[in-house]
Amino acid sequence: MLYILGAIALLFLIYGLILFIKKGNKEFDAKLSLRERTELEKMLEKQAKDEAEEERKESEEEKVIPKPPEIVPKVRPIFPTKDIKTEINRYATHIEIDNLKVQHSIRNGVENFLNLDYKVALEEFSIATELNSKDVTGFYCRGLTKLQLKNYESALSDFSECINLKMKEPNAFYYRGLCYFYMRDLDNAILNFRGYINVESHAPEVYFDLAVCLKQKENIHDSIKNFSLAIDNNPKYELAYFERGLLKQKNDDIDGACADLKKALALGYDEALDYFNDICKNRKA
């Protein structure tokens, strides 16, 4: 029995010495057991699957993220302003790449117009037309200056030149129509206002001016129609309600007249009060 125990102890001692010697050998290459190798392969396989799943999720998130909205450049409105100062100020930064002298003259003209030096403004705009007779800007700004000075007949010539040069915006029709209106040529004023509307239908003030011309020609039906179009384009157009109300009263539509005058009052047009009291005082409005 002692012999057997001694033999076993000797075997363990020899096995320990062998392991010690192998650990000290630089060329020793430890090998994984079958169980360790299997666990490592499973771990690597799981890691690969996790990475693939992460890439798939990132790819799907990129597809879901909406693209930023496309930035659409603002288009300069083509509707003209009744205030000539505001209208001409649109050209304060006029750019003429092919002819810097034209650009300089236009800008100087606008500056002098805003400073109320209309004589110098006219001179500068005239220089621009001489430097480039194909550029409508000089003619248009000069026409606006003449209109400001109430030189309607001469302004007509400039606006007509803008139309002949095919100005991109229909504003020359509108201001030429105003010139004809102030000259009491209602037929040509109507033609020009309609010429503007044919290009730009969203034009409450032009519908209003057209309605005024038709009113002066005693065309009540068409005048009411155009006042209505002005209101359709601008529901807060108090003066259009007032004028339409007066025409409805003239056309024996008292209920309609009272409704329009009441609306004009509600929108702040106080001048409608006396008319409302005279026409509607015995009626429920």
Foldseek 3Di string as FASTA:
>chain_A
DVVVVVVVVVVVVVVVVVVVVLVPDPVRDDDDDPVVVVVVVVVVVVVVVVVVVVVVVVVVVVVVDDDPDDDDDDDDDLFADPPLLVRLVVLLQPDDPVDVLLSVLSNVLNVCVVVVNLVSSLVSLVVSCVVPVLDLSSLQNNLSSCVVVVVLVVSLVSLVSCVVSPPVGLVSLQVNLVSCVVVVVLVSSLVSLVVNCVVPVLHLVSLQVNLVSCVVVVVLVSSLVSLVSSCVSPVLPLVSLQVNLVSCVVVVNLVSSLVSLVSSVVSPPVVSVVVNCVRDVVHDD
